[in-house]
Amino acid sequence: RAQSIRLFLEYLKQPYEECLYDKCNAQKWFEVKHSMGFEFPNLPYYIDGDFKLTETVAILRYIADQHGMLGSSAKERAVISMLESAAVEMRTNEAKVAYSKQPEEEKEQILKNLPRILGYWSSFLKNKAFLMGSNPIHVDFILYESLEVLRYLDHTCLDSFENLQQFQKRIEQLPQISAYMKSSRFIKWPLHSWFAGFGGGDAPPAGHPANKSP
């Protein structure tokens, strides 16, 4: 859930310090989560001076707002909000596969609806470089993350959507993102928490077609 935040911060060249709770120290989070001063304790969290915030979209919106990237008109802000909701819904549905007791049923349902959903995104993107034009906003990184996860559900899912494939490449070719993905700080895996049934564990499935080198 934090990958889109990392990518957005990297794109903005905004320094940050990351505190990771992995399988080796997951218990530490449960020991400190209620003593850190969060209104709604959860991961990921974001601390900016004495301001503390949780929830992925809230964090992304806060960072975007600081950089004047939430739209310049009521209509533009509404469109960005719509895109946020659609992207988060797609990401939430992916997480259902990760944590469901019937993952194959969840996967089947997602893949059944996927051509229609991806068609919406493809139609909105058209021939634009990014969702709102020539420069990415925070939602572009939510969408990028979601598309990456979908490729592990079905590595052929983007075959019919050339503009979405090119969108992914443009994100990866942004100088800041390219440098980050080649660095030791880049976290490619897990897609969800390390204990998730799908997208968890220590490494991607060996030989999976969705694997690619940065």
C-alpha atoms as a PDB file:
ATOM      1  CA  ARG A   1       0.000   0.000   0.000  1.00  0.00           C
ATOM      2  CA  ALA A   2       2.987   2.307   0.343  1.00  0.00           C
ATOM      3  CA  GLN A   3       4.516   1.771  -3.091  1.00  0.00           C
ATOM      4  CA  SER A   4       2.587   4.585  -4.756  1.00  0.00           C
ATOM      5  CA  ILE A   5       3.706   6.925  -1.972  1.00  0.00           C
ATOM      6  CA  ARG A   6       7.348   5.951  -2.425  1.00  0.00           C
ATOM      7  CA  LEU A   7       7.150   6.450  -6.170  1.00  0.00           C
ATOM      8  CA  PHE A   8       5.442   9.819  -5.813  1.00  0.00           C
ATOM      9  CA  LEU A   9       8.024  11.062  -3.317  1.00  0.00           C
ATOM     10  CA  GLU A  10      10.833   9.839  -5.546  1.00  0.00           C
ATOM     11  CA  TYR A  11       9.311  11.589  -8.545  1.00  0.00           C
ATOM     12  CA  LEU A  12       9.087  14.821  -6.562  1.00  0.00           C
ATOM     13  CA  LYS A  13      12.653  14.382  -5.289  1.00  0.00           C
ATOM     14  CA  GLN A  14      11.286  14.863  -1.794  1.00  0.00           C
ATOM     15  CA  PRO A  15      13.565  13.321   0.838  1.00  0.00           C
ATOM     16  CA  TYR A  16      11.974  10.852   3.227  1.00  0.00           C
ATOM     17  CA  GLU A  17      12.995   8.353   5.848  1.00  0.00           C
ATOM     18  CA  GLU A  18      11.334   4.965   5.638  1.00  0.00           C
ATOM     19  CA  CYS A  19      10.512   2.746   8.591  1.00  0.00           C
ATOM     20  CA  LEU A  20       9.729  -0.784   7.455  1.00  0.00           C
ATOM     21  CA  TYR A  21       7.883  -3.415   9.432  1.00  0.00           C
ATOM     22  CA  ASP A  22       8.678  -6.684   7.702  1.00  0.00           C
ATOM     23  CA  LYS A  23       8.289 -10.292   8.799  1.00  0.00           C
ATOM     24  CA  CYS A  24      11.287  -9.955  11.090  1.00  0.00           C
ATOM     25  CA  ASN A  25       9.881  -7.073  13.132  1.00  0.00           C
ATOM     26  CA  ALA A  26       6.158  -7.051  12.349  1.00  0.00           C
ATOM     27  CA  GLN A  27       5.363  -7.419  16.036  1.00  0.00           C
ATOM     28  CA  LYS A  28       7.052  -4.095  16.718  1.00  0.00           C
ATOM     29  CA  TRP A  29       4.302  -2.253  14.847  1.00  0.00           C
ATOM     30  CA  PHE A  30       1.616  -3.766  17.040  1.00  0.00           C
ATOM     31  CA  GLU A  31       3.611  -2.736  20.085  1.00  0.00           C
ATOM     32  CA  VAL A  32       3.903   0.924  19.067  1.00  0.00           C
ATOM     33  CA  LYS A  33       0.896   1.652  16.810  1.00  0.00           C
ATOM     34  CA  HIS A  34      -1.309   3.017  19.598  1.00  0.00           C
ATOM     35  CA  SER A  35       1.416   5.120  21.190  1.00  0.00           C
ATOM     36  CA  MET A  36       2.582   7.099  18.140  1.00  0.00           C
ATOM     37  CA  GLY A  37      -0.135   9.727  18.187  1.00  0.00           C
ATOM     38  CA  PHE A  38      -2.123   8.694  15.117  1.00  0.00           C
ATOM     39  CA  GLU A  39      -5.849   9.405  15.010  1.00  0.00           C
ATOM     40  CA  PHE A  40      -6.427   6.214  13.021  1.00  0.00           C
ATOM     41  CA  PRO A  41      -3.381   3.967  13.558  1.00  0.00           C
ATOM     42  CA  ASN A  42      -2.554   2.090  10.376  1.00  0.00           C
ATOM     43  CA  LEU A  43       0.138   1.368   7.816  1.00  0.00           C
ATOM     44  CA  PRO A  44       1.381   3.219   5.896  1.00  0.00           C
ATOM     45  CA  TYR A  45       1.784   6.369   7.935  1.00  0.00           C
ATOM     46  CA  TYR A  46       3.379   9.730   7.176  1.00  0.00           C
ATOM     47  CA  ILE A  47       4.943  12.137   9.644  1.00  0.00           C
ATOM     48  CA  ASP A  48       5.722  15.695   8.576  1.00  0.00           C
ATOM     49  CA  GLY A  49       7.067  17.626  11.537  1.00  0.00           C
ATOM     50  CA  ASP A  50       4.373  17.434  14.190  1.00  0.00           C
ATOM     51  CA  PHE A  51       1.700  16.436  11.658  1.00  0.00           C
ATOM     52  CA  LYS A  52       0.842  12.744  11.578  1.00  0.00           C
ATOM     53  CA  LEU A  53      -1.284  11.082   8.936  1.00  0.00           C
ATOM     54  CA  THR A  54      -2.401   7.594   7.929  1.00  0.00           C
ATOM     55  CA  GLU A  55      -4.265   6.088   4.941  1.00  0.00           C
ATOM     56  CA  THR A  56      -2.592   5.891   1.545  1.00  0.00           C
ATOM     57  CA  VAL A  57      -4.811   8.275  -0.401  1.00  0.00           C
ATOM     58  CA  ALA A  58      -4.840  10.869   2.375  1.00  0.00           C
ATOM     59  CA  ILE A  59      -1.039  10.809   2.424  1.00  0.00           C
ATOM     60  CA  LEU A  60      -0.801  11.104  -1.350  1.00  0.00           C
ATOM     61  CA  ARG A  61      -3.305  13.967  -1.415  1.00  0.00           C
ATOM     62  CA  TYR A  62      -1.434  15.803   1.327  1.00  0.00           C
ATOM     63  CA  ILE A  63       1.844  15.552  -0.571  1.00  0.00           C
ATOM     64  CA  ALA A  64       0.166  16.512  -3.848  1.00  0.00           C
ATOM     65  CA  ASP A  65      -1.499  19.512  -2.210  1.00  0.00           C
ATOM     66  CA  GLN A  66       1.850  20.709  -0.888  1.00  0.00           C
ATOM     67  CA  HIS A  67       3.073  20.754  -4.488  1.00  0.00           C
ATOM     68  CA  GLY A  68      -0.045  22.333  -5.987  1.00  0.00           C
ATOM     69  CA  MET A  69      -0.986  19.162  -7.850  1.00  0.00           C
ATOM     70  CA  LEU A  70      -4.651  18.693  -6.928  1.00  0.00           C
ATOM     71  CA  GLY A  71      -6.093  20.632  -9.851  1.00  0.00           C
ATOM     72  CA  SER A  72      -6.566  24.273 -10.770  1.00  0.00           C
ATOM     73  CA  SER A  73     -10.362  24.305 -11.071  1.00  0.00           C
ATOM     74  CA  ALA A  74     -13.384  22.667  -9.470  1.00  0.00           C
ATOM     75  CA  LYS A  75     -13.859  20.427 -12.507  1.00  0.00           C
ATOM     76  CA  GLU A  76     -10.224  19.366 -12.576  1.00  0.00           C
ATOM     77  CA  ARG A  77     -10.247  18.602  -8.857  1.00  0.00           C
ATOM     78  CA  ALA A  78     -13.428  16.559  -9.312  1.00  0.00           C
ATOM     79  CA  VAL A  79     -11.877  14.531 -12.129  1.00  0.00           C
ATOM     80  CA  ILE A  80      -8.793  13.837 -10.020  1.00  0.00           C
ATOM     81  CA  SER A  81     -11.023  12.729  -7.149  1.00  0.00           C
ATOM     82  CA  MET A  82     -12.916  10.426  -9.521  1.00  0.00           C
ATOM     83  CA  LEU A  83      -9.658   8.901 -10.747  1.00  0.00           C
ATOM     84  CA  GLU A  84      -8.506   8.392  -7.168  1.00  0.00           C
ATOM     85  CA  SER A  85     -11.666   6.488  -6.299  1.00  0.00           C
ATOM     86  CA  ALA A  86     -11.490   4.316  -9.411  1.00  0.00           C
ATOM     87  CA  ALA A  87      -7.804   3.512  -8.882  1.00  0.00           C
ATOM     88  CA  VAL A  88      -8.263   2.707  -5.205  1.00  0.00           C
ATOM     89  CA  GLU A  89     -11.230   0.459  -5.994  1.00  0.00           C
ATOM     90  CA  MET A  90      -9.109  -1.501  -8.450  1.00  0.00           C
ATOM     91  CA  ARG A  91      -6.274  -1.782  -5.932  1.00  0.00           C
ATOM     92  CA  THR A  92      -8.706  -2.868  -3.201  1.00  0.00           C
ATOM     93  CA  ASN A  93     -10.114  -5.614  -5.406  1.00  0.00           C
ATOM     94  CA  GLU A  94      -6.594  -6.877  -6.030  1.00  0.00           C
ATOM     95  CA  ALA A  95      -6.019  -7.059  -2.288  1.00  0.00           C
ATOM     96  CA  LYS A  96      -9.071  -9.297  -1.937  1.00  0.00           C
ATOM     97  CA  VAL A  97      -7.187 -11.992  -3.818  1.00  0.00           C
ATOM     98  CA  ALA A  98      -4.208 -11.557  -1.514  1.00  0.00           C
ATOM     99  CA  TYR A  99      -6.121 -12.082   1.712  1.00  0.00           C
ATOM    100  CA  SER A 100      -9.187 -14.095   0.701  1.00  0.00           C
ATOM    101  CA  LYS A 101      -9.878 -17.593   1.948  1.00  0.00           C
ATOM    102  CA  GLN A 102     -11.154 -18.299  -1.576  1.00  0.00           C
ATOM    103  CA  PRO A 103      -8.463 -16.550  -3.637  1.00  0.00           C
ATOM    104  CA  GLU A 104      -9.232 -18.384  -6.875  1.00  0.00           C
ATOM    105  CA  GLU A 105     -12.854 -17.242  -6.731  1.00  0.00           C
ATOM    106  CA  GLU A 106     -11.764 -13.640  -6.142  1.00  0.00           C
ATOM    107  CA  LYS A 107      -9.215 -13.888  -8.941  1.00  0.00           C
ATOM    108  CA  GLU A 108     -11.815 -15.284 -11.336  1.00  0.00           C
ATOM    109  CA  GLN A 109     -14.174 -12.413 -10.560  1.00  0.00           C
ATOM    110  CA  ILE A 110     -11.468  -9.784 -11.055  1.00  0.00           C
ATOM    111  CA  LEU A 111     -10.278 -11.257 -14.336  1.00  0.00           C
ATOM    112  CA  LYS A 112     -13.858 -11.508 -15.569  1.00  0.00           C
ATOM    113  CA  ASN A 113     -14.354  -7.759 -15.139  1.00  0.00           C
ATOM    114  CA  LEU A 114     -10.812  -6.719 -15.999  1.00  0.00           C
ATOM    115  CA  PRO A 115     -11.176  -6.038 -19.747  1.00  0.00           C
ATOM    116  CA  ARG A 116     -14.048  -3.674 -19.028  1.00  0.00           C
ATOM    117  CA  ILE A 117     -12.209  -1.864 -16.215  1.00  0.00           C
ATOM    118  CA  LEU A 118      -8.965  -1.556 -18.158  1.00  0.00           C
ATOM    119  CA  GLY A 119     -11.003  -0.355 -21.107  1.00  0.00           C
ATOM    120  CA  TYR A 120     -12.256   2.557 -18.997  1.00  0.00           C
ATOM    121  CA  TRP A 121      -8.702   3.514 -18.083  1.00  0.00           C
ATOM    122  CA  SER A 122      -7.489   3.130 -21.650  1.00  0.00           C
ATOM    123  CA  SER A 123     -10.322   5.311 -22.957  1.00  0.00           C
ATOM    124  CA  PHE A 124      -9.634   7.990 -20.364  1.00  0.00           C
ATOM    125  CA  LEU A 125      -5.897   8.000 -21.002  1.00  0.00           C
ATOM    126  CA  LYS A 126      -6.323   8.082 -24.803  1.00  0.00           C
ATOM    127  CA  ASN A 127      -3.036   9.357 -26.238  1.00  0.00           C
ATOM    128  CA  LYS A 128      -2.055  11.478 -23.241  1.00  0.00           C
ATOM    129  CA  ALA A 129       1.299  10.880 -21.606  1.00  0.00           C
ATOM    130  CA  PHE A 130      -0.282  10.717 -18.150  1.00  0.00           C
ATOM    131  CA  LEU A 131      -3.781  10.786 -16.735  1.00  0.00           C
ATOM    132  CA  MET A 132      -4.127  14.564 -16.521  1.00  0.00           C
ATOM    133  CA  GLY A 133      -1.788  15.532 -19.327  1.00  0.00           C
ATOM    134  CA  SER A 134       1.941  15.829 -19.861  1.00  0.00           C
ATOM    135  CA  ASN A 135       2.997  15.459 -16.219  1.00  0.00           C
ATOM    136  CA  PRO A 136       2.113  12.743 -13.698  1.00  0.00           C
ATOM    137  CA  ILE A 137       0.094  13.381 -10.566  1.00  0.00           C
ATOM    138  CA  HIS A 138      -0.287  11.153  -7.523  1.00  0.00           C
ATOM    139  CA  VAL A 139      -3.036   9.047  -9.134  1.00  0.00           C
ATOM    140  CA  ASP A 140      -0.681   8.012 -11.932  1.00  0.00           C
ATOM    141  CA  PHE A 141       1.412   6.200  -9.366  1.00  0.00           C
ATOM    142  CA  ILE A 142      -1.609   4.451  -7.846  1.00  0.00           C
ATOM    143  CA  LEU A 143      -2.567   3.288 -11.332  1.00  0.00           C
ATOM    144  CA  TYR A 144       0.991   2.208 -12.114  1.00  0.00           C
ATOM    145  CA  GLU A 145       1.157   0.134  -8.927  1.00  0.00           C
ATOM    146  CA  SER A 146      -2.221  -1.422  -9.640  1.00  0.00           C
ATOM    147  CA  LEU A 147      -1.257  -2.380 -13.182  1.00  0.00           C
ATOM    148  CA  GLU A 148       1.919  -3.995 -11.887  1.00  0.00           C
ATOM    149  CA  VAL A 149      -0.110  -6.127  -9.482  1.00  0.00           C
ATOM    150  CA  LEU A 150      -2.548  -7.095 -12.232  1.00  0.00           C
ATOM    151  CA  ARG A 151       0.308  -8.350 -14.368  1.00  0.00           C
ATOM    152  CA  TYR A 152       1.040 -10.907 -11.654  1.00  0.00           C
ATOM    153  CA  LEU A 153      -2.596 -12.006 -11.707  1.00  0.00           C
ATOM    154  CA  ASP A 154      -2.573 -12.277 -15.503  1.00  0.00           C
ATOM    155  CA  HIS A 155       0.587 -11.307 -17.354  1.00  0.00           C
ATOM    156  CA  THR A 156      -1.394 -10.898 -20.597  1.00  0.00           C
ATOM    157  CA  CYS A 157      -3.958  -8.479 -19.150  1.00  0.00           C
ATOM    158  CA  LEU A 158      -2.495  -5.420 -20.900  1.00  0.00           C
ATOM    159  CA  ASP A 159      -1.940  -7.043 -24.279  1.00  0.00           C
ATOM    160  CA  SER A 160      -5.026  -5.357 -25.734  1.00  0.00           C
ATOM    161  CA  PHE A 161      -4.232  -1.960 -24.233  1.00  0.00           C
ATOM    162  CA  GLU A 162      -1.148  -0.539 -25.893  1.00  0.00           C
ATOM    163  CA  ASN A 163      -1.557   2.900 -24.347  1.00  0.00           C
ATOM    164  CA  LEU A 164      -1.590   1.416 -20.835  1.00  0.00           C
ATOM    165  CA  GLN A 165       1.587  -0.508 -21.633  1.00  0.00           C
ATOM    166  CA  GLN A 166       3.199   2.696 -22.838  1.00  0.00           C
ATOM    167  CA  PHE A 167       1.938   4.494 -19.740  1.00  0.00           C
ATOM    168  CA  GLN A 168       3.779   1.997 -17.551  1.00  0.00           C
ATOM    169  CA  LYS A 169       6.949   2.462 -19.560  1.00  0.00           C
ATOM    170  CA  ARG A 170       6.707   6.252 -19.285  1.00  0.00           C
ATOM    171  CA  ILE A 171       6.451   6.014 -15.500  1.00  0.00           C
ATOM    172  CA  GLU A 172       9.479   3.717 -15.370  1.00  0.00           C
ATOM    173  CA  GLN A 173      11.441   5.990 -17.713  1.00  0.00           C
ATOM    174  CA  LEU A 174      10.971   9.104 -15.617  1.00  0.00           C
ATOM    175  CA  PRO A 175      14.569   9.909 -14.604  1.00  0.00           C
ATOM    176  CA  GLN A 176      13.801   9.937 -10.884  1.00  0.00           C
ATOM    177  CA  ILE A 177      11.839   6.680 -11.051  1.00  0.00           C
ATOM    178  CA  SER A 178      14.388   4.952 -13.258  1.00  0.00           C
ATOM    179  CA  ALA A 179      17.173   5.858 -10.832  1.00  0.00           C
ATOM    180  CA  TYR A 180      15.113   4.694  -7.860  1.00  0.00           C
ATOM    181  CA  MET A 181      14.252   1.358  -9.461  1.00  0.00           C
ATOM    182  CA  LYS A 182      17.932   0.707 -10.110  1.00  0.00           C
ATOM    183  CA  SER A 183      18.891   1.554  -6.536  1.00  0.00           C
ATOM    184  CA  SER A 184      19.175  -0.727  -3.525  1.00  0.00           C
ATOM    185  CA  ARG A 185      16.325   1.200  -1.897  1.00  0.00           C
ATOM    186  CA  PHE A 186      13.754   0.011  -4.426  1.00  0.00           C
ATOM    187  CA  ILE A 187      11.198  -2.423  -3.026  1.00  0.00           C
ATOM    188  CA  LYS A 188       9.834  -4.594  -5.824  1.00  0.00           C
ATOM    189  CA  TRP A 189       8.328  -7.249  -3.599  1.00  0.00           C
ATOM    190  CA  PRO A 190       6.058  -8.042  -1.774  1.00  0.00           C
ATOM    191  CA  LEU A 191       3.060  -6.584  -3.594  1.00  0.00           C
ATOM    192  CA  HIS A 192       1.074  -6.812  -0.379  1.00  0.00           C
ATOM    193  CA  SER A 193       2.194  -7.719   3.139  1.00  0.00           C
ATOM    194  CA  TRP A 194       4.767 -10.490   3.288  1.00  0.00           C
ATOM    195  CA  PHE A 195       2.184 -12.971   4.690  1.00  0.00           C
ATOM    196  CA  ALA A 196      -0.382 -12.392   1.905  1.00  0.00           C
ATOM    197  CA  GLY A 197      -1.483 -15.454  -0.032  1.00  0.00           C
ATOM    198  CA  PHE A 198      -0.998 -13.598  -3.310  1.00  0.00           C
ATOM    199  CA  GLY A 199       1.830 -11.101  -3.704  1.00  0.00           C
ATOM    200  CA  GLY A 200       3.420 -12.011  -0.388  1.00  0.00           C
ATOM    201  CA  GLY A 201       6.547 -13.884   0.580  1.00  0.00           C
ATOM    202  CA  ASP A 202      10.168 -12.975   0.131  1.00  0.00           C
ATOM    203  CA  ALA A 203      10.382 -12.811  -3.668  1.00  0.00           C
ATOM    204  CA  PRO A 204       8.270 -12.909  -6.828  1.00  0.00           C
ATOM    205  CA  PRO A 205       7.486 -16.330  -8.299  1.00  0.00           C
ATOM    206  CA  ALA A 206      10.595 -17.487 -10.131  1.00  0.00           C
ATOM    207  CA  GLY A 207      10.201 -17.340 -13.879  1.00  0.00           C
ATOM    208  CA  HIS A 208       6.894 -15.476 -13.781  1.00  0.00           C
ATOM    209  CA  PRO A 209       6.364 -13.603 -17.078  1.00  0.00           C
ATOM    210  CA  ALA A 210       5.586 -10.400 -15.161  1.00  0.00           C
ATOM    211  CA  ASN A 211       9.078 -10.298 -13.691  1.00  0.00           C
ATOM    212  CA  LYS A 212      11.231  -7.645 -15.269  1.00  0.00           C
ATOM    213  CA  SER A 213      14.485  -5.953 -14.461  1.00  0.00           C
ATOM    214  CA  PRO A 214      14.448  -2.210 -13.762  1.00  0.00           C
END
